[in-house]
Amino acid sequence: MLVLSRSQGESVMIGSDIVVTVLEVRGDVVRIGIDAPRDVKVHREEVYRALEDANRDAASTDAAAEAELSRRLAMPPKD
C-alpha cells in the first residue's frame, strides 16, 4: 500500500487517466473527488463488498435452482 500525505486541493494520479483530489478536510472526515474514465467502475468499499456478496448469493441460488431443476427433470414420471 502506498501511503501519501495530501492537503486540500492536491491530487494523486493513478495511471495516466485517474485523478484523486482531496476536496475538503473537516476533522476526521476527508471528502475526495475521483476523475476516472466511464469504463472504470468506482465504488465505496462497503458498496463494492455488498455487490460482491449479492452476486455470490445470486450465483449460488442459481446453481441450487439449476440442480433442483435437473433433479426434477431426471425423475421418472409418477404413475
Protein backbone atom coordinates (compact mmCIF):
# COMPACT_ATOMS: atom_id res chain seq x y z
CA MET A 1 0.00 0.00 0.00
CA LEU A 2 1.26 3.43 -0.94
CA VAL A 3 0.66 6.00 1.81
CA LEU A 4 0.73 9.68 0.87
CA SER A 5 0.01 12.95 2.60
CA ARG A 6 -2.09 15.39 0.59
CA SER A 7 -3.60 18.74 1.50
CA GLN A 8 -6.93 20.15 0.39
CA GLY A 9 -6.86 20.81 -3.35
CA GLU A 10 -3.95 18.43 -4.01
CA SER A 11 -4.29 15.34 -6.18
CA VAL A 12 -2.85 11.91 -6.78
CA MET A 13 -2.59 10.34 -10.25
CA ILE A 14 -3.35 6.65 -10.73
CA GLY A 15 -2.01 5.61 -14.10
CA SER A 16 -2.42 8.28 -16.73
CA ASP A 17 -6.18 8.70 -16.59
CA ILE A 18 -7.40 8.60 -12.97
CA VAL A 19 -7.07 11.62 -10.69
CA VAL A 20 -7.99 11.54 -6.99
CA THR A 21 -8.30 15.02 -5.46
CA VAL A 22 -8.70 15.98 -1.79
CA LEU A 23 -11.71 18.33 -1.86
CA GLU A 24 -12.22 19.08 1.81
CA VAL A 25 -10.93 18.07 5.24
CA ARG A 26 -13.21 18.52 8.26
CA GLY A 27 -11.97 16.94 11.45
CA ASP A 28 -11.65 13.22 10.76
CA VAL A 29 -13.72 13.34 7.54
CA VAL A 30 -11.99 13.76 4.19
CA ARG A 31 -14.01 14.41 1.01
CA ILE A 32 -12.30 13.24 -2.16
CA GLY A 33 -13.15 13.56 -5.81
CA ILE A 34 -12.31 10.86 -8.34
CA ASP A 35 -11.98 11.65 -12.02
CA ALA A 36 -11.85 8.41 -14.00
CA PRO A 37 -12.92 7.17 -17.44
CA ARG A 38 -16.53 5.97 -17.70
CA ASP A 39 -15.41 2.36 -18.15
CA VAL A 40 -13.68 2.37 -14.74
CA LYS A 41 -16.13 1.41 -12.01
CA VAL A 42 -15.68 3.40 -8.80
CA HIS A 43 -17.48 2.32 -5.62
CA ARG A 44 -17.11 2.90 -1.91
CA GLU A 45 -15.57 -0.24 -0.43
CA GLU A 46 -18.66 -1.19 1.58
CA VAL A 47 -20.84 -0.89 -1.53
CA TYR A 48 -18.36 -2.97 -3.56
CA ARG A 49 -18.33 -5.70 -0.88
CA ALA A 50 -22.15 -5.71 -0.72
CA LEU A 51 -22.32 -6.08 -4.52
CA GLU A 52 -19.84 -8.96 -4.39
CA ASP A 53 -21.88 -10.70 -1.66
CA ALA A 54 -25.14 -10.20 -3.57
CA ASN A 55 -23.60 -11.57 -6.77
CA ARG A 56 -22.16 -14.56 -4.93
CA ASP A 57 -25.54 -15.25 -3.28
CA ALA A 58 -27.35 -14.96 -6.61
CA ALA A 59 -24.88 -17.33 -8.27
CA SER A 60 -25.25 -19.93 -5.53
CA THR A 61 -29.06 -19.60 -5.66
CA ASP A 62 -28.96 -20.03 -9.44
CA ALA A 63 -26.76 -23.12 -9.06
CA ALA A 64 -29.11 -24.59 -6.44
CA ALA A 65 -32.17 -23.89 -8.62
CA GLU A 66 -30.43 -25.44 -11.64
CA ALA A 67 -29.54 -28.55 -9.61
CA GLU A 68 -33.16 -28.87 -8.40
CA LEU A 69 -34.49 -28.48 -11.94
CA SER A 70 -32.06 -31.12 -13.23
CA ARG A 71 -33.10 -33.45 -10.40
CA ARG A 72 -36.78 -32.98 -11.21
CA LEU A 73 -36.26 -33.49 -14.93
CA ALA A 74 -34.35 -36.69 -14.28
CA MET A 75 -37.12 -38.16 -12.11
CA PRO A 76 -39.34 -40.76 -13.78
CA PRO A 77 -42.98 -39.72 -14.10
CA LYS A 78 -45.34 -40.83 -11.32
CA ASP A 79 -47.91 -43.46 -12.22
